[in-house]
Amino acid sequence: MTVTLQLPFPAKALWPNGRAHWAEKARAVKKHRGWAYFSACAPDVPKADPESRVAIAVTVHPKTRNLIDRDNCIASLKSYLDGIADALGVDDRTFDAPTITFADPVKGGLMTVCLTYQSKGE
């Protein structure tokens, strides 16, 4: 089963090279984690089995055509993944490493997160 969530582009404070003050980063983490939590709490998003794995595929629609480092992109998603894990009722250790695909830029940027539930034996 696959579920798709659309989330805003992460704030500059959440990127490893963002160099934000700790308080600014804490506010951004709280806000982004909440967005992901409420997005994953939608009625059409089922809870995950704590014994199974969840594959994560992220399509990044950047704000501009500037190139984005894949490693930094994964790091900037940490708050989103934590919020999704909270909503699904699992520890984020059940998530496989996210795969990142870059798409055309959109105004303001966008992250499309696809969760694929895998049964324990897969």
PDB file of N, CA and C in Angstrom:
ATOM      1  N   MET A   1       0.843  -1.179   0.000  1.00  0.00           N
ATOM      2  CA  MET A   1       0.000   0.000   0.000  1.00  0.00           C
ATOM      3  C   MET A   1       0.888   1.241   0.000  1.00  0.00           C
ATOM      4  N   THR A   2       0.529   2.212  -0.824  1.00  0.00           N
ATOM      5  CA  THR A   2       1.310   3.454  -0.932  1.00  0.00           C
ATOM      6  C   THR A   2       0.432   4.656  -0.609  1.00  0.00           C
ATOM      7  N   VAL A   3       0.984   5.570   0.166  1.00  0.00           N
ATOM      8  CA  VAL A   3       0.308   6.809   0.550  1.00  0.00           C
ATOM      9  C   VAL A   3       1.217   7.968   0.159  1.00  0.00           C
ATOM     10  N   THR A   4       0.637   9.029  -0.404  1.00  0.00           N
ATOM     11  CA  THR A   4       1.417  10.188  -0.821  1.00  0.00           C
ATOM     12  C   THR A   4       1.024  11.411   0.005  1.00  0.00           C
ATOM     13  N   LEU A   5       2.019  12.099   0.524  1.00  0.00           N
ATOM     14  CA  LEU A   5       1.822  13.323   1.298  1.00  0.00           C
ATOM     15  C   LEU A   5       2.553  14.464   0.598  1.00  0.00           C
ATOM     16  N   GLN A   6       1.940  15.644   0.554  1.00  0.00           N
ATOM     17  CA  GLN A   6       2.610  16.815   0.004  1.00  0.00           C
ATOM     18  C   GLN A   6       2.900  17.788   1.130  1.00  0.00           C
ATOM     19  N   LEU A   7       4.158  18.157   1.244  1.00  0.00           N
ATOM     20  CA  LEU A   7       4.601  19.027   2.324  1.00  0.00           C
ATOM     21  C   LEU A   7       5.379  20.208   1.757  1.00  0.00           C
ATOM     22  N   PRO A   8       5.375  21.332   2.484  1.00  0.00           N
ATOM     23  CA  PRO A   8       6.122  22.507   2.002  1.00  0.00           C
ATOM     24  C   PRO A   8       7.630  22.236   1.962  1.00  0.00           C
ATOM     25  N   PHE A   9       8.312  23.021   1.180  1.00  0.00           N
ATOM     26  CA  PHE A   9       9.767  22.930   1.109  1.00  0.00           C
ATOM     27  C   PHE A   9      10.335  23.293   2.478  1.00  0.00           C
ATOM     28  N   PRO A  10      11.291  22.518   3.007  1.00  0.00           N
ATOM     29  CA  PRO A  10      11.835  22.803   4.343  1.00  0.00           C
ATOM     30  C   PRO A  10      12.474  24.187   4.445  1.00  0.00           C
ATOM     31  N   ALA A  11      12.310  24.787   5.596  1.00  0.00           N
ATOM     32  CA  ALA A  11      12.890  26.105   5.875  1.00  0.00           C
ATOM     33  C   ALA A  11      14.415  26.036   5.838  1.00  0.00           C
ATOM     34  N   LYS A  12      15.037  27.150   5.548  1.00  0.00           N
ATOM     35  CA  LYS A  12      16.498  27.229   5.464  1.00  0.00           C
ATOM     36  C   LYS A  12      17.159  26.776   6.771  1.00  0.00           C
ATOM     37  N   ALA A  13      16.506  27.022   7.907  1.00  0.00           N
ATOM     38  CA  ALA A  13      17.066  26.651   9.208  1.00  0.00           C
ATOM     39  C   ALA A  13      17.231  25.142   9.364  1.00  0.00           C
ATOM     40  N   LEU A  14      16.489  24.350   8.595  1.00  0.00           N
ATOM     41  CA  LEU A  14      16.550  22.895   8.720  1.00  0.00           C
ATOM     42  C   LEU A  14      17.622  22.253   7.849  1.00  0.00           C
ATOM     43  N   TRP A  15      18.229  23.017   6.994  1.00  0.00           N
ATOM     44  CA  TRP A  15      19.271  22.488   6.119  1.00  0.00           C
ATOM     45  C   TRP A  15      20.606  22.516   6.864  1.00  0.00           C
ATOM     46  N   PRO A  16      21.450  21.509   6.673  1.00  0.00           N
ATOM     47  CA  PRO A  16      22.734  21.467   7.387  1.00  0.00           C
ATOM     48  C   PRO A  16      23.597  22.712   7.178  1.00  0.00           C
ATOM     49  N   ASN A  17      23.518  23.319   6.019  1.00  0.00           N
ATOM     50  CA  ASN A  17      24.312  24.520   5.748  1.00  0.00           C
ATOM     51  C   ASN A  17      23.548  25.802   6.065  1.00  0.00           C
ATOM     52  N   GLY A  18      22.408  25.690   6.753  1.00  0.00           N
ATOM     53  CA  GLY A  18      21.553  26.832   7.038  1.00  0.00           C
ATOM     54  C   GLY A  18      22.133  27.800   8.046  1.00  0.00           C
ATOM     55  N   ARG A  19      22.944  27.322   8.964  1.00  0.00           N
ATOM     56  CA  ARG A  19      23.609  28.169   9.957  1.00  0.00           C
ATOM     57  C   ARG A  19      22.630  29.034  10.747  1.00  0.00           C
ATOM     58  N   ALA A  20      21.542  28.444  11.189  1.00  0.00           N
ATOM     59  CA  ALA A  20      20.526  29.195  11.933  1.00  0.00           C
ATOM     60  C   ALA A  20      20.830  29.175  13.428  1.00  0.00           C
ATOM     61  N   HIS A  21      20.344  30.195  14.119  1.00  0.00           N
ATOM     62  CA  HIS A  21      20.413  30.238  15.577  1.00  0.00           C
ATOM     63  C   HIS A  21      19.611  29.058  16.119  1.00  0.00           C
ATOM     64  N   TRP A  22      20.015  28.502  17.254  1.00  0.00           N
ATOM     65  CA  TRP A  22      19.358  27.302  17.778  1.00  0.00           C
ATOM     66  C   TRP A  22      17.868  27.529  18.030  1.00  0.00           C
ATOM     67  N   ALA A  23      17.479  28.715  18.451  1.00  0.00           N
ATOM     68  CA  ALA A  23      16.063  28.985  18.736  1.00  0.00           C
ATOM     69  C   ALA A  23      15.255  29.030  17.436  1.00  0.00           C
ATOM     70  N   GLU A  24      15.829  29.623  16.403  1.00  0.00           N
ATOM     71  CA  GLU A  24      15.155  29.661  15.103  1.00  0.00           C
ATOM     72  C   GLU A  24      14.981  28.245  14.564  1.00  0.00           C
ATOM     73  N   LYS A  25      16.036  27.435  14.708  1.00  0.00           N
ATOM     74  CA  LYS A  25      15.957  26.058  14.229  1.00  0.00           C
ATOM     75  C   LYS A  25      14.910  25.270  15.023  1.00  0.00           C
ATOM     76  N   ALA A  26      14.852  25.472  16.331  1.00  0.00           N
ATOM     77  CA  ALA A  26      13.876  24.760  17.167  1.00  0.00           C
ATOM     78  C   ALA A  26      12.447  25.107  16.750  1.00  0.00           C
ATOM     79  N   ARG A  27      12.193  26.371  16.446  1.00  0.00           N
ATOM     80  CA  ARG A  27      10.853  26.773  15.986  1.00  0.00           C
ATOM     81  C   ARG A  27      10.517  26.112  14.643  1.00  0.00           C
ATOM     82  N   ALA A  28      11.502  26.075  13.746  1.00  0.00           N
ATOM     83  CA  ALA A  28      11.284  25.461  12.434  1.00  0.00           C
ATOM     84  C   ALA A  28      11.035  23.960  12.566  1.00  0.00           C
ATOM     85  N   VAL A  29      11.792  23.302  13.446  1.00  0.00           N
ATOM     86  CA  VAL A  29      11.606  21.862  13.661  1.00  0.00           C
ATOM     87  C   VAL A  29      10.196  21.595  14.163  1.00  0.00           C
ATOM     88  N   LYS A  30       9.761  22.353  15.135  1.00  0.00           N
ATOM     89  CA  LYS A  30       8.427  22.159  15.712  1.00  0.00           C
ATOM     90  C   LYS A  30       7.331  22.373  14.657  1.00  0.00           C
ATOM     91  N   LYS A  31       7.468  23.428  13.860  1.00  0.00           N
ATOM     92  CA  LYS A  31       6.471  23.739  12.847  1.00  0.00           C
ATOM     93  C   LYS A  31       6.415  22.650  11.771  1.00  0.00           C
ATOM     94  N   HIS A  32       7.567  22.229  11.266  1.00  0.00           N
ATOM     95  CA  HIS A  32       7.608  21.239  10.194  1.00  0.00           C
ATOM     96  C   HIS A  32       7.180  19.854  10.683  1.00  0.00           C
ATOM     97  N   ARG A  33       7.567  19.517  11.895  1.00  0.00           N
ATOM     98  CA  ARG A  33       7.147  18.231  12.461  1.00  0.00           C
ATOM     99  C   ARG A  33       5.623  18.201  12.614  1.00  0.00           C
ATOM    100  N   GLY A  34       5.046  19.311  13.022  1.00  0.00           N
ATOM    101  CA  GLY A  34       3.595  19.410  13.149  1.00  0.00           C
ATOM    102  C   GLY A  34       2.887  19.288  11.810  1.00  0.00           C
ATOM    103  N   TRP A  35       3.416  19.958  10.782  1.00  0.00           N
ATOM    104  CA  TRP A  35       2.822  19.841   9.449  1.00  0.00           C
ATOM    105  C   TRP A  35       2.801  18.387   8.981  1.00  0.00           C
ATOM    106  N   ALA A  36       3.923  17.699   9.167  1.00  0.00           N
ATOM    107  CA  ALA A  36       3.997  16.302   8.733  1.00  0.00           C
ATOM    108  C   ALA A  36       3.055  15.430   9.553  1.00  0.00           C
ATOM    109  N   TYR A  37       2.984  15.696  10.857  1.00  0.00           N
ATOM    110  CA  TYR A  37       2.103  14.910  11.729  1.00  0.00           C
ATOM    111  C   TYR A  37       0.649  15.041  11.278  1.00  0.00           C
ATOM    112  N   PHE A  38       0.197  16.276  11.092  1.00  0.00           N
ATOM    113  CA  PHE A  38      -1.205  16.477  10.720  1.00  0.00           C
ATOM    114  C   PHE A  38      -1.503  15.988   9.309  1.00  0.00           C
ATOM    115  N   SER A  39      -0.526  16.055   8.425  1.00  0.00           N
ATOM    116  CA  SER A  39      -0.705  15.525   7.078  1.00  0.00           C
ATOM    117  C   SER A  39      -0.843  14.002   7.118  1.00  0.00           C
ATOM    118  N   ALA A  40      -0.054  13.350   7.961  1.00  0.00           N
ATOM    119  CA  ALA A  40      -0.084  11.885   8.060  1.00  0.00           C
ATOM    120  C   ALA A  40      -1.224  11.382   8.938  1.00  0.00           C
ATOM    121  N   CYS A  41      -1.910  12.287   9.643  1.00  0.00           N
ATOM    122  CA  CYS A  41      -3.072  11.897  10.452  1.00  0.00           C
ATOM    123  C   CYS A  41      -4.361  11.904   9.642  1.00  0.00           C
ATOM    124  N   ALA A  42      -4.281  12.187   8.351  1.00  0.00           N
ATOM    125  CA  ALA A  42      -5.472  12.211   7.505  1.00  0.00           C
ATOM    126  C   ALA A  42      -6.170  10.842   7.561  1.00  0.00           C
ATOM    127  N   PRO A  43      -7.483  10.827   7.394  1.00  0.00           N
ATOM    128  CA  PRO A  43      -8.234   9.569   7.498  1.00  0.00           C
ATOM    129  C   PRO A  43      -7.808   8.494   6.496  1.00  0.00           C
ATOM    130  N   ASP A  44      -7.284   8.898   5.342  1.00  0.00           N
ATOM    131  CA  ASP A  44      -6.891   7.904   4.338  1.00  0.00           C
ATOM    132  C   ASP A  44      -5.473   7.369   4.534  1.00  0.00           C
ATOM    133  N   VAL A  45      -4.792   7.778   5.602  1.00  0.00           N
ATOM    134  CA  VAL A  45      -3.441   7.299   5.898  1.00  0.00           C
ATOM    135  C   VAL A  45      -3.525   6.294   7.049  1.00  0.00           C
ATOM    136  N   PRO A  46      -3.328   4.993   6.761  1.00  0.00           N
ATOM    137  CA  PRO A  46      -3.431   3.992   7.821  1.00  0.00           C
ATOM    138  C   PRO A  46      -2.205   3.999   8.735  1.00  0.00           C
ATOM    139  N   LYS A  47      -2.388   3.525   9.946  1.00  0.00           N
ATOM    140  CA  LYS A  47      -1.265   3.356  10.872  1.00  0.00           C
ATOM    141  C   LYS A  47      -0.358   2.258  10.330  1.00  0.00           C
ATOM    142  N   ALA A  48       0.898   2.314  10.665  1.00  0.00           N
ATOM    143  CA  ALA A  48       1.859   1.306  10.213  1.00  0.00           C
ATOM    144  C   ALA A  48       2.032   0.252  11.298  1.00  0.00           C
ATOM    145  N   ASP A  49       2.357  -0.955  10.874  1.00  0.00           N
ATOM    146  CA  ASP A  49       2.656  -2.043  11.797  1.00  0.00           C
ATOM    147  C   ASP A  49       4.072  -1.835  12.326  1.00  0.00           C
ATOM    148  N   PRO A  50       4.255  -1.776  13.658  1.00  0.00           N
ATOM    149  CA  PRO A  50       5.599  -1.539  14.205  1.00  0.00           C
ATOM    150  C   PRO A  50       6.614  -2.614  13.831  1.00  0.00           C
ATOM    151  N   GLU A  51       6.130  -3.781  13.415  1.00  0.00           N
ATOM    152  CA  GLU A  51       7.028  -4.874  13.037  1.00  0.00           C
ATOM    153  C   GLU A  51       7.431  -4.841  11.567  1.00  0.00           C
ATOM    154  N   SER A  52       6.810  -3.968  10.775  1.00  0.00           N
ATOM    155  CA  SER A  52       7.093  -3.934   9.347  1.00  0.00           C
ATOM    156  C   SER A  52       7.975  -2.738   8.992  1.00  0.00           C
ATOM    157  N   ARG A  53       8.317  -2.625   7.725  1.00  0.00           N
ATOM    158  CA  ARG A  53       9.156  -1.542   7.229  1.00  0.00           C
ATOM    159  C   ARG A  53       8.296  -0.576   6.412  1.00  0.00           C
ATOM    160  N   VAL A  54       8.742   0.658   6.325  1.00  0.00           N
ATOM    161  CA  VAL A  54       8.086   1.658   5.490  1.00  0.00           C
ATOM    162  C   VAL A  54       9.149   2.253   4.570  1.00  0.00           C
ATOM    163  N   ALA A  55       8.958   2.064   3.263  1.00  0.00           N
ATOM    164  CA  ALA A  55       9.877   2.641   2.279  1.00  0.00           C
ATOM    165  C   ALA A  55       9.449   4.083   2.009  1.00  0.00           C
ATOM    166  N   ILE A  56      10.421   4.959   1.883  1.00  0.00           N
ATOM    167  CA  ILE A  56      10.137   6.385   1.682  1.00  0.00           C
ATOM    168  C   ILE A  56      10.784   6.850   0.391  1.00  0.00           C
ATOM    169  N   ALA A  57       9.955   7.421  -0.483  1.00  0.00           N
ATOM    170  CA  ALA A  57      10.446   8.009  -1.727  1.00  0.00           C
ATOM    171  C   ALA A  57      10.009   9.475  -1.735  1.00  0.00           C
ATOM    172  N   VAL A  58      10.968  10.359  -1.879  1.00  0.00           N
ATOM    173  CA  VAL A  58      10.685  11.799  -1.837  1.00  0.00           C
ATOM    174  C   VAL A  58      10.980  12.407  -3.203  1.00  0.00           C
ATOM    175  N   THR A  59      10.002  13.152  -3.711  1.00  0.00           N
ATOM    176  CA  THR A  59      10.209  13.930  -4.926  1.00  0.00           C
ATOM    177  C   THR A  59      10.341  15.385  -4.504  1.00  0.00           C
ATOM    178  N   VAL A  60      11.470  15.969  -4.842  1.00  0.00           N
ATOM    179  CA  VAL A  60      11.778  17.335  -4.439  1.00  0.00           C
ATOM    180  C   VAL A  60      11.507  18.270  -5.613  1.00  0.00           C
ATOM    181  N   HIS A  61      10.622  19.225  -5.382  1.00  0.00           N
ATOM    182  CA  HIS A  61      10.378  20.295  -6.342  1.00  0.00           C
ATOM    183  C   HIS A  61      11.005  21.546  -5.733  1.00  0.00           C
ATOM    184  N   PRO A  62      12.243  21.866  -6.112  1.00  0.00           N
ATOM    185  CA  PRO A  62      12.935  22.997  -5.487  1.00  0.00           C
ATOM    186  C   PRO A  62      12.276  24.333  -5.833  1.00  0.00           C
ATOM    187  N   LYS A  63      12.693  25.361  -5.094  1.00  0.00           N
ATOM    188  CA  LYS A  63      12.180  26.716  -5.320  1.00  0.00           C
ATOM    189  C   LYS A  63      12.755  27.314  -6.600  1.00  0.00           C
ATOM    190  N   THR A  64      14.018  26.973  -6.887  1.00  0.00           N
ATOM    191  CA  THR A  64      14.712  27.523  -8.054  1.00  0.00           C
ATOM    192  C   THR A  64      15.429  26.398  -8.782  1.00  0.00           C
ATOM    193  N   ARG A  65      16.073  26.734  -9.871  1.00  0.00           N
ATOM    194  CA  ARG A  65      16.824  25.731 -10.629  1.00  0.00           C
ATOM    195  C   ARG A  65      18.213  25.452 -10.033  1.00  0.00           C
ATOM    196  N   ASN A  66      18.549  26.103  -8.934  1.00  0.00           N
ATOM    197  CA  ASN A  66      19.843  25.854  -8.293  1.00  0.00           C
ATOM    198  C   ASN A  66      19.933  24.398  -7.872  1.00  0.00           C
ATOM    199  N   LEU A  67      21.102  23.827  -7.998  1.00  0.00           N
ATOM    200  CA  LEU A  67      21.301  22.423  -7.650  1.00  0.00           C
ATOM    201  C   LEU A  67      21.270  22.236  -6.128  1.00  0.00           C
ATOM    202  N   ILE A  68      20.677  21.134  -5.699  1.00  0.00           N
ATOM    203  CA  ILE A  68      20.578  20.816  -4.281  1.00  0.00           C
ATOM    204  C   ILE A  68      21.355  19.532  -4.031  1.00  0.00           C
ATOM    205  N   ASP A  69      22.131  19.524  -2.963  1.00  0.00           N
ATOM    206  CA  ASP A  69      22.889  18.345  -2.583  1.00  0.00           C
ATOM    207  C   ASP A  69      21.935  17.302  -1.995  1.00  0.00           C
ATOM    208  N   ARG A  70      22.005  16.087  -2.496  1.00  0.00           N
ATOM    209  CA  ARG A  70      21.110  15.005  -2.075  1.00  0.00           C
ATOM    210  C   ARG A  70      21.238  14.712  -0.573  1.00  0.00           C
ATOM    211  N   ASP A  71      22.453  14.695  -0.042  1.00  0.00           N
ATOM    212  CA  ASP A  71      22.656  14.414   1.391  1.00  0.00           C
ATOM    213  C   ASP A  71      21.998  15.483   2.264  1.00  0.00           C
ATOM    214  N   ASN A  72      22.171  16.737   1.882  1.00  0.00           N
ATOM    215  CA  ASN A  72      21.558  17.816   2.647  1.00  0.00           C
ATOM    216  C   ASN A  72      20.039  17.759   2.568  1.00  0.00           C
ATOM    217  N   CYS A  73      19.540  17.327   1.433  1.00  0.00           N
ATOM    218  CA  CYS A  73      18.097  17.203   1.257  1.00  0.00           C
ATOM    219  C   CYS A  73      17.534  16.165   2.232  1.00  0.00           C
ATOM    220  N   ILE A  74      18.201  15.039   2.363  1.00  0.00           N
ATOM    221  CA  ILE A  74      17.761  14.000   3.306  1.00  0.00           C
ATOM    222  C   ILE A  74      17.811  14.535   4.733  1.00  0.00           C
ATOM    223  N   ALA A  75      18.867  15.254   5.077  1.00  0.00           N
ATOM    224  CA  ALA A  75      18.995  15.806   6.426  1.00  0.00           C
ATOM    225  C   ALA A  75      17.886  16.814   6.723  1.00  0.00           C
ATOM    226  N   SER A  76      17.490  17.591   5.731  1.00  0.00           N
ATOM    227  CA  SER A  76      16.449  18.600   5.949  1.00  0.00           C
ATOM    228  C   SER A  76      15.075  17.970   6.176  1.00  0.00           C
ATOM    229  N   LEU A  77      14.919  16.700   5.831  1.00  0.00           N
ATOM    230  CA  LEU A  77      13.640  15.997   5.990  1.00  0.00           C
ATOM    231  C   LEU A  77      13.447  15.394   7.373  1.00  0.00           C
ATOM    232  N   LYS A  78      14.434  15.480   8.239  1.00  0.00           N
ATOM    233  CA  LYS A  78      14.378  14.833   9.554  1.00  0.00           C
ATOM    234  C   LYS A  78      13.113  15.191  10.330  1.00  0.00           C
ATOM    235  N   SER A  79      12.750  16.447  10.388  1.00  0.00           N
ATOM    236  CA  SER A  79      11.551  16.868  11.123  1.00  0.00           C
ATOM    237  C   SER A  79      10.298  16.261  10.509  1.00  0.00           C
ATOM    238  N   TYR A  80      10.241  16.235   9.186  1.00  0.00           N
ATOM    239  CA  TYR A  80       9.097  15.636   8.514  1.00  0.00           C
ATOM    240  C   TYR A  80       8.986  14.148   8.835  1.00  0.00           C
ATOM    241  N   LEU A  81      10.093  13.447   8.769  1.00  0.00           N
ATOM    242  CA  LEU A  81      10.060  12.004   9.038  1.00  0.00           C
ATOM    243  C   LEU A  81       9.675  11.709  10.485  1.00  0.00           C
ATOM    244  N   ASP A  82      10.140  12.531  11.408  1.00  0.00           N
ATOM    245  CA  ASP A  82       9.751  12.357  12.817  1.00  0.00           C
ATOM    246  C   ASP A  82       8.253  12.575  13.005  1.00  0.00           C
ATOM    247  N   GLY A  83       7.698  13.600  12.372  1.00  0.00           N
ATOM    248  CA  GLY A  83       6.266  13.866  12.473  1.00  0.00           C
ATOM    249  C   GLY A  83       5.435  12.758  11.852  1.00  0.00           C
ATOM    250  N   ILE A  84       5.890  12.233  10.723  1.00  0.00           N
ATOM    251  CA  ILE A  84       5.180  11.130  10.070  1.00  0.00           C
ATOM    252  C   ILE A  84       5.224   9.888  10.955  1.00  0.00           C
ATOM    253  N   ALA A  85       6.386   9.600  11.541  1.00  0.00           N
ATOM    254  CA  ALA A  85       6.510   8.447  12.434  1.00  0.00           C
ATOM    255  C   ALA A  85       5.575   8.580  13.633  1.00  0.00           C
ATOM    256  N   ASP A  86       5.482   9.774  14.203  1.00  0.00           N
ATOM    257  CA  ASP A  86       4.556  10.007  15.318  1.00  0.00           C
ATOM    258  C   ASP A  86       3.124   9.697  14.904  1.00  0.00           C
ATOM    259  N   ALA A  87       2.725  10.181  13.734  1.00  0.00           N
ATOM    260  CA  ALA A  87       1.349   9.990  13.268  1.00  0.00           C
ATOM    261  C   ALA A  87       1.047   8.524  12.956  1.00  0.00           C
ATOM    262  N   LEU A  88       2.039   7.803  12.431  1.00  0.00           N
ATOM    263  CA  LEU A  88       1.821   6.397  12.080  1.00  0.00           C
ATOM    264  C   LEU A  88       1.917   5.483  13.294  1.00  0.00           C
ATOM    265  N   GLY A  89       2.406   6.007  14.406  1.00  0.00           N
ATOM    266  CA  GLY A  89       2.521   5.214  15.617  1.00  0.00           C
ATOM    267  C   GLY A  89       3.693   4.256  15.614  1.00  0.00           C
ATOM    268  N   VAL A  90       4.774   4.641  14.926  1.00  0.00           N
ATOM    269  CA  VAL A  90       5.969   3.791  14.859  1.00  0.00           C
ATOM    270  C   VAL A  90       7.203   4.615  15.194  1.00  0.00           C
ATOM    271  N   ASP A  91       8.297   3.912  15.446  1.00  0.00           N
ATOM    272  CA  ASP A  91       9.596   4.572  15.613  1.00  0.00           C
ATOM    273  C   ASP A  91      10.156   4.795  14.216  1.00  0.00           C
ATOM    274  N   ASP A  92      10.842   5.901  13.990  1.00  0.00           N
ATOM    275  CA  ASP A  92      11.351   6.167  12.644  1.00  0.00           C
ATOM    276  C   ASP A  92      12.460   5.207  12.222  1.00  0.00           C
ATOM    277  N   ARG A  93      12.874   4.313  13.111  1.00  0.00           N
ATOM    278  CA  ARG A  93      13.825   3.258  12.725  1.00  0.00           C
ATOM    279  C   ARG A  93      13.189   2.266  11.750  1.00  0.00           C
ATOM    280  N   THR A  94      11.850   2.220  11.702  1.00  0.00           N
ATOM    281  CA  THR A  94      11.177   1.305  10.768  1.00  0.00           C
ATOM    282  C   THR A  94      11.192   1.845   9.344  1.00  0.00           C
ATOM    283  N   PHE A  95      11.623   3.092   9.158  1.00  0.00           N
ATOM    284  CA  PHE A  95      11.696   3.676   7.826  1.00  0.00           C
ATOM    285  C   PHE A  95      12.985   3.247   7.136  1.00  0.00           C
ATOM    286  N   ASP A  96      12.871   2.884   5.870  1.00  0.00           N
ATOM    287  CA  ASP A  96      14.061   2.659   5.059  1.00  0.00           C
ATOM    288  C   ASP A  96      14.649   4.031   4.716  1.00  0.00           C
ATOM    289  N   ALA A  97      15.919   4.036   4.326  1.00  0.00           N
ATOM    290  CA  ALA A  97      16.550   5.300   3.939  1.00  0.00           C
ATOM    291  C   ALA A  97      15.773   5.908   2.771  1.00  0.00           C
ATOM    292  N   PRO A  98      15.465   7.198   2.839  1.00  0.00           N
ATOM    293  CA  PRO A  98      14.667   7.805   1.770  1.00  0.00           C
ATOM    294  C   PRO A  98      15.406   7.840   0.442  1.00  0.00           C
ATOM    295  N   THR A  99      14.653   7.629  -0.624  1.00  0.00           N
ATOM    296  CA  THR A  99      15.201   7.838  -1.964  1.00  0.00           C
ATOM    297  C   THR A  99      14.752   9.224  -2.407  1.00  0.00           C
ATOM    298  N   ILE A 100      15.643   9.948  -3.037  1.00  0.00           N
ATOM    299  CA  ILE A 100      15.374  11.327  -3.435  1.00  0.00           C
ATOM    300  C   ILE A 100      15.363  11.424  -4.961  1.00  0.00           C
ATOM    301  N   THR A 101      14.313  12.031  -5.484  1.00  0.00           N
ATOM    302  CA  THR A 101      14.213  12.312  -6.909  1.00  0.00           C
ATOM    303  C   THR A 101      13.961  13.806  -7.055  1.00  0.00           C
ATOM    304  N   PHE A 102      14.684  14.439  -7.952  1.00  0.00           N
ATOM    305  CA  PHE A 102      14.509  15.870  -8.180  1.00  0.00           C
ATOM    306  C   PHE A 102      13.601  16.081  -9.388  1.00  0.00           C
ATOM    307  N   ALA A 103      12.655  17.002  -9.247  1.00  0.00           N
ATOM    308  CA  ALA A 103      11.716  17.332 -10.315  1.00  0.00           C
ATOM    309  C   ALA A 103      11.848  18.816 -10.655  1.00  0.00           C
ATOM    310  N   ASP A 104      10.996  19.272 -11.535  1.00  0.00           N
ATOM    311  CA  ASP A 104      11.023  20.676 -11.945  1.00  0.00           C
ATOM    312  C   ASP A 104      10.703  21.588 -10.769  1.00  0.00           C
ATOM    313  N   PRO A 105      11.294  22.772 -10.752  1.00  0.00           N
ATOM    314  CA  PRO A 105      10.995  23.733  -9.688  1.00  0.00           C
ATOM    315  C   PRO A 105       9.537  24.193  -9.728  1.00  0.00           C
ATOM    316  N   VAL A 106       9.011  24.493  -8.549  1.00  0.00           N
ATOM    317  CA  VAL A 106       7.693  25.112  -8.432  1.00  0.00           C
ATOM    318  C   VAL A 106       7.837  26.306  -7.500  1.00  0.00           C
ATOM    319  N   LYS A 107       6.963  27.268  -7.639  1.00  0.00           N
ATOM    320  CA  LYS A 107       7.041  28.467  -6.814  1.00  0.00           C
ATOM    321  C   LYS A 107       6.880  28.092  -5.344  1.00  0.00           C
ATOM    322  N   GLY A 108       7.834  28.480  -4.515  1.00  0.00           N
ATOM    323  CA  GLY A 108       7.800  28.172  -3.092  1.00  0.00           C
ATOM    324  C   GLY A 108       8.378  26.821  -2.733  1.00  0.00           C
ATOM    325  N   GLY A 109       8.555  25.931  -3.697  1.00  0.00           N
ATOM    326  CA  GLY A 109       9.092  24.602  -3.443  1.00  0.00           C
ATOM    327  C   GLY A 109       8.043  23.659  -2.878  1.00  0.00           C
ATOM    328  N   LEU A 110       8.304  22.366  -2.990  1.00  0.00           N
ATOM    329  CA  LEU A 110       7.356  21.345  -2.546  1.00  0.00           C
ATOM    330  C   LEU A 110       8.092  20.028  -2.350  1.00  0.00           C
ATOM    331  N   MET A 111       7.680  19.280  -1.339  1.00  0.00           N
ATOM    332  CA  MET A 111       8.201  17.930  -1.118  1.00  0.00           C
ATOM    333  C   MET A 111       7.024  16.958  -1.200  1.00  0.00           C
ATOM    334  N   THR A 112       7.116  15.980  -2.076  1.00  0.00           N
ATOM    335  CA  THR A 112       6.105  14.942  -2.169  1.00  0.00           C
ATOM    336  C   THR A 112       6.714  13.680  -1.571  1.00  0.00           C
ATOM    337  N   VAL A 113       6.111  13.194  -0.491  1.00  0.00           N
ATOM    338  CA  VAL A 113       6.636  12.044   0.235  1.00  0.00           C
ATOM    339  C   VAL A 113       5.705  10.858   0.001  1.00  0.00           C
ATOM    340  N   CYS A 114       6.234   9.790  -0.582  1.00  0.00           N
ATOM    341  CA  CYS A 114       5.463   8.555  -0.821  1.00  0.00           C
ATOM    342  C   CYS A 114       5.896   7.507   0.195  1.00  0.00           C
ATOM    343  N   LEU A 115       4.934   7.033   0.975  1.00  0.00           N
ATOM    344  CA  LEU A 115       5.192   5.983   1.957  1.00  0.00           C
ATOM    345  C   LEU A 115       4.656   4.679   1.403  1.00  0.00           C
ATOM    346  N   THR A 116       5.496   3.658   1.343  1.00  0.00           N
ATOM    347  CA  THR A 116       5.075   2.346   0.892  1.00  0.00           C
ATOM    348  C   THR A 116       5.220   1.370   2.039  1.00  0.00           C
ATOM    349  N   TYR A 117       4.092   0.856   2.498  1.00  0.00           N
ATOM    350  CA  TYR A 117       4.081  -0.088   3.611  1.00  0.00           C
ATOM    351  C   TYR A 117       4.505  -1.456   3.117  1.00  0.00           C
ATOM    352  N   GLN A 118       5.458  -2.062   3.808  1.00  0.00           N
ATOM    353  CA  GLN A 118       5.937  -3.393   3.453  1.00  0.00           C
ATOM    354  C   GLN A 118       5.631  -4.326   4.615  1.00  0.00           C
ATOM    355  N   SER A 119       5.134  -5.508   4.294  1.00  0.00           N
ATOM    356  CA  SER A 119       4.844  -6.465   5.371  1.00  0.00           C
ATOM    357  C   SER A 119       6.160  -6.997   5.920  1.00  0.00           C
ATOM    358  N   LYS A 120       6.090  -7.635   7.066  1.00  0.00           N
ATOM    359  CA  LYS A 120       7.290  -8.081   7.785  1.00  0.00           C
ATOM    360  C   LYS A 120       8.173  -8.999   6.949  1.00  0.00           C
ATOM    361  N   GLY A 121       7.608  -9.848   6.114  1.00  0.00           N
ATOM    362  CA  GLY A 121       8.375 -10.813   5.347  1.00  0.00           C
ATOM    363  C   GLY A 121       9.003 -10.291   4.075  1.00  0.00           C
ATOM    364  N   GLU A 122       8.678  -9.073   3.652  1.00  0.00           N
ATOM    365  CA  GLU A 122       9.186  -8.549   2.367  1.00  0.00           C
ATOM    366  C   GLU A 122      10.587  -8.028   2.482  1.00  0.00           C
TER     367      GLU A 122
END
